[in-house]
Amino acid sequence: MAKVILIYASMSGNTEAMADLIEEGLQSTGVEVVKKEVMDIRVDELHEYDGIILGAYTWGDGELPDEFLDFYDDMEDVDFTGKSLAVFGSGDTAYAEFCGAVDLLEQRVQESGGTLVAKGLKIELAPVGSDIDLCKSFGEQFAQAIGIKQR
């Protein structure tokens, strides 16, 4: 069984709600999911997983939240060559840079040799309505991209 790590940071609960829905989509395909807040994992643990999904809310003018900064810096020293990754996050279009944290994480993944197997998922505030299905589908599509057949 494939094993995916889903790592996220959430302050208001919006990104955590996204993580829960993405986890549901992954599990519907038979993937084993380990979901952790970013403060509870070290980058050297990532080699244990077939796929990696990162999620962060955007802080201020397009920045990563404080709780993601150490992990982000540590990612610079990891070779993600051969690893499949995807990024998601919540944001607020009231700011000039909508979901800039997603863009920053995707850039770091690519700089470290990782393969982004899905376009970054950006949700305005909390997932509601059709966003719920988008989040679940994101998980299902990630599983398919890493070679898991739909049940």
Protein backbone atom coordinates (compact mmCIF):
# COMPACT_ATOMS: atom_id res chain seq x y z
CA MET A 1 0.00 0.00 0.00
CA ALA A 2 1.27 3.46 -0.91
CA LYS A 3 2.04 5.80 1.95
CA VAL A 4 1.57 9.57 1.69
CA ILE A 5 2.51 12.24 4.22
CA LEU A 6 0.24 15.26 4.39
CA ILE A 7 1.92 18.15 6.22
CA TYR A 8 0.12 21.38 6.99
CA ALA A 9 0.03 24.58 9.02
CA SER A 10 -3.27 26.13 10.04
CA MET A 11 -4.11 29.02 12.31
CA SER A 12 -7.83 29.63 11.82
CA GLY A 13 -8.68 26.05 10.84
CA ASN A 14 -9.14 26.75 7.12
CA THR A 15 -6.03 24.90 5.96
CA GLU A 16 -6.68 22.09 8.43
CA ALA A 17 -10.17 21.69 6.94
CA MET A 18 -8.57 21.43 3.50
CA ALA A 19 -6.10 18.83 4.83
CA ASP A 20 -8.97 16.77 6.24
CA LEU A 21 -10.79 16.78 2.90
CA ILE A 22 -7.63 15.97 0.92
CA GLU A 23 -6.97 13.12 3.35
CA GLU A 24 -10.49 11.84 2.70
CA GLY A 25 -9.84 11.90 -1.05
CA LEU A 26 -6.54 10.05 -0.64
CA GLN A 27 -8.07 7.42 1.63
CA SER A 28 -10.88 6.80 -0.87
CA THR A 29 -8.21 5.43 -3.22
CA GLY A 30 -6.70 3.09 -0.64
CA VAL A 31 -3.67 5.22 0.18
CA GLU A 32 -2.31 5.10 3.71
CA VAL A 33 -2.16 8.72 4.90
CA VAL A 34 -0.10 10.15 7.71
CA LYS A 35 -1.29 13.68 8.47
CA LYS A 36 0.89 15.94 10.63
CA GLU A 37 1.16 19.56 11.52
CA VAL A 38 4.42 21.00 10.23
CA MET A 39 5.76 21.56 13.76
CA ASP A 40 5.53 17.79 14.38
CA ILE A 41 7.76 16.55 11.55
CA ARG A 42 11.35 16.85 10.41
CA VAL A 43 12.36 16.93 6.75
CA ASP A 44 14.64 13.92 7.24
CA GLU A 45 11.50 11.80 7.82
CA LEU A 46 10.15 12.50 4.32
CA HIS A 47 12.16 9.73 2.63
CA GLU A 48 9.81 7.19 4.27
CA TYR A 49 6.86 8.20 2.04
CA ASP A 50 5.82 7.54 -1.54
CA GLY A 51 4.27 10.98 -1.85
CA ILE A 52 4.37 14.29 0.00
CA ILE A 53 1.63 16.90 0.18
CA LEU A 54 2.35 20.26 1.80
CA GLY A 55 -0.27 22.76 2.91
CA ALA A 56 0.06 26.25 4.35
CA TYR A 57 -2.04 29.31 4.80
CA THR A 58 -0.64 32.57 3.50
CA TRP A 59 0.39 35.15 6.04
CA GLY A 60 0.57 38.90 5.42
CA ASP A 61 1.55 39.88 1.92
CA GLY A 62 2.14 36.43 0.44
CA GLU A 63 4.42 34.96 3.09
CA LEU A 64 4.72 31.57 4.72
CA PRO A 65 3.37 31.32 8.25
CA ASP A 66 5.97 31.38 11.04
CA GLU A 67 5.39 27.73 11.93
CA PHE A 68 6.45 26.69 8.39
CA LEU A 69 9.67 28.73 8.22
CA ASP A 70 12.10 26.25 9.83
CA PHE A 71 10.72 23.35 7.77
CA TYR A 72 10.91 25.47 4.61
CA ASP A 73 14.54 26.39 5.34
CA ASP A 74 15.39 22.73 6.03
CA MET A 75 13.83 21.72 2.70
CA GLU A 76 16.68 23.52 0.97
CA ASP A 77 19.07 20.77 2.13
CA VAL A 78 16.88 17.87 0.94
CA ASP A 79 17.14 16.25 -2.47
CA PHE A 80 13.57 15.58 -3.59
CA THR A 81 14.66 13.98 -6.87
CA GLY A 82 12.31 11.10 -7.63
CA LYS A 83 9.72 12.30 -5.09
CA SER A 84 6.17 13.23 -6.04
CA LEU A 85 4.79 16.27 -4.26
CA ALA A 86 1.83 18.62 -4.32
CA VAL A 87 0.99 21.84 -2.47
CA PHE A 88 -2.24 23.38 -1.23
CA GLY A 89 -3.26 26.32 0.87
CA SER A 90 -5.85 28.82 1.95
CA GLY A 91 -5.68 32.54 1.45
CA ASP A 92 -7.64 35.73 1.20
CA THR A 93 -8.09 37.66 -2.05
CA ALA A 94 -8.25 40.88 -0.01
CA TYR A 95 -4.44 40.73 -0.05
CA ALA A 96 -2.33 41.53 -3.10
CA GLU A 97 -0.68 38.09 -3.13
CA PHE A 98 -3.38 35.38 -3.03
CA CYS A 99 -2.04 32.12 -1.57
CA GLY A 100 1.59 33.15 -1.98
CA ALA A 101 2.65 30.42 0.45
CA VAL A 102 1.59 27.82 -2.12
CA ASP A 103 3.82 29.46 -4.73
CA LEU A 104 6.79 29.65 -2.33
CA LEU A 105 6.49 25.97 -1.40
CA GLU A 106 6.15 24.89 -5.03
CA GLN A 107 9.24 26.86 -5.94
CA ARG A 108 11.25 25.26 -3.12
CA VAL A 109 10.09 21.77 -4.16
CA GLN A 110 11.23 22.38 -7.72
CA GLU A 111 14.55 23.90 -6.62
CA SER A 112 15.14 20.73 -4.59
CA GLY A 113 14.49 18.41 -7.53
CA GLY A 114 10.98 17.30 -6.59
CA THR A 115 8.22 16.63 -9.09
CA LEU A 116 4.98 18.54 -8.66
CA VAL A 117 2.34 16.08 -9.83
CA ALA A 118 -0.60 18.47 -9.41
CA LYS A 119 -1.19 22.18 -9.82
CA GLY A 120 -1.22 23.92 -6.44
CA LEU A 121 -4.68 24.04 -4.89
CA LYS A 122 -5.62 27.52 -3.67
CA ILE A 123 -8.84 28.08 -1.72
CA GLU A 124 -10.34 31.37 -0.57
CA LEU A 125 -10.62 31.18 3.23
CA ALA A 126 -12.41 27.94 4.24
CA PRO A 127 -13.47 25.19 1.85
CA VAL A 128 -17.24 25.45 1.29
CA GLY A 129 -19.57 24.42 -1.49
CA SER A 130 -17.72 23.23 -4.58
CA ASP A 131 -14.37 23.77 -2.80
CA ILE A 132 -15.11 20.67 -0.70
CA ASP A 133 -15.19 18.53 -3.83
CA LEU A 134 -12.07 20.28 -5.18
CA CYS A 135 -10.14 19.30 -2.05
CA LYS A 136 -11.30 15.68 -2.13
CA SER A 137 -10.54 15.49 -5.85
CA PHE A 138 -7.06 16.94 -5.22
CA GLY A 139 -6.33 13.98 -2.94
CA GLU A 140 -7.73 11.46 -5.43
CA GLN A 141 -5.77 12.99 -8.31
CA PHE A 142 -2.57 12.97 -6.29
CA ALA A 143 -3.03 9.27 -5.58
CA GLN A 144 -3.60 8.59 -9.28
CA ALA A 145 -0.54 10.65 -10.20
CA ILE A 146 1.66 8.50 -7.98
CA GLY A 147 0.25 5.34 -9.53
CA ILE A 148 -2.63 4.38 -7.24
CA LYS A 149 -5.68 3.06 -9.06
CA GLN A 150 -9.11 4.32 -7.94
CA ARG A 151 -11.03 1.75 -5.89
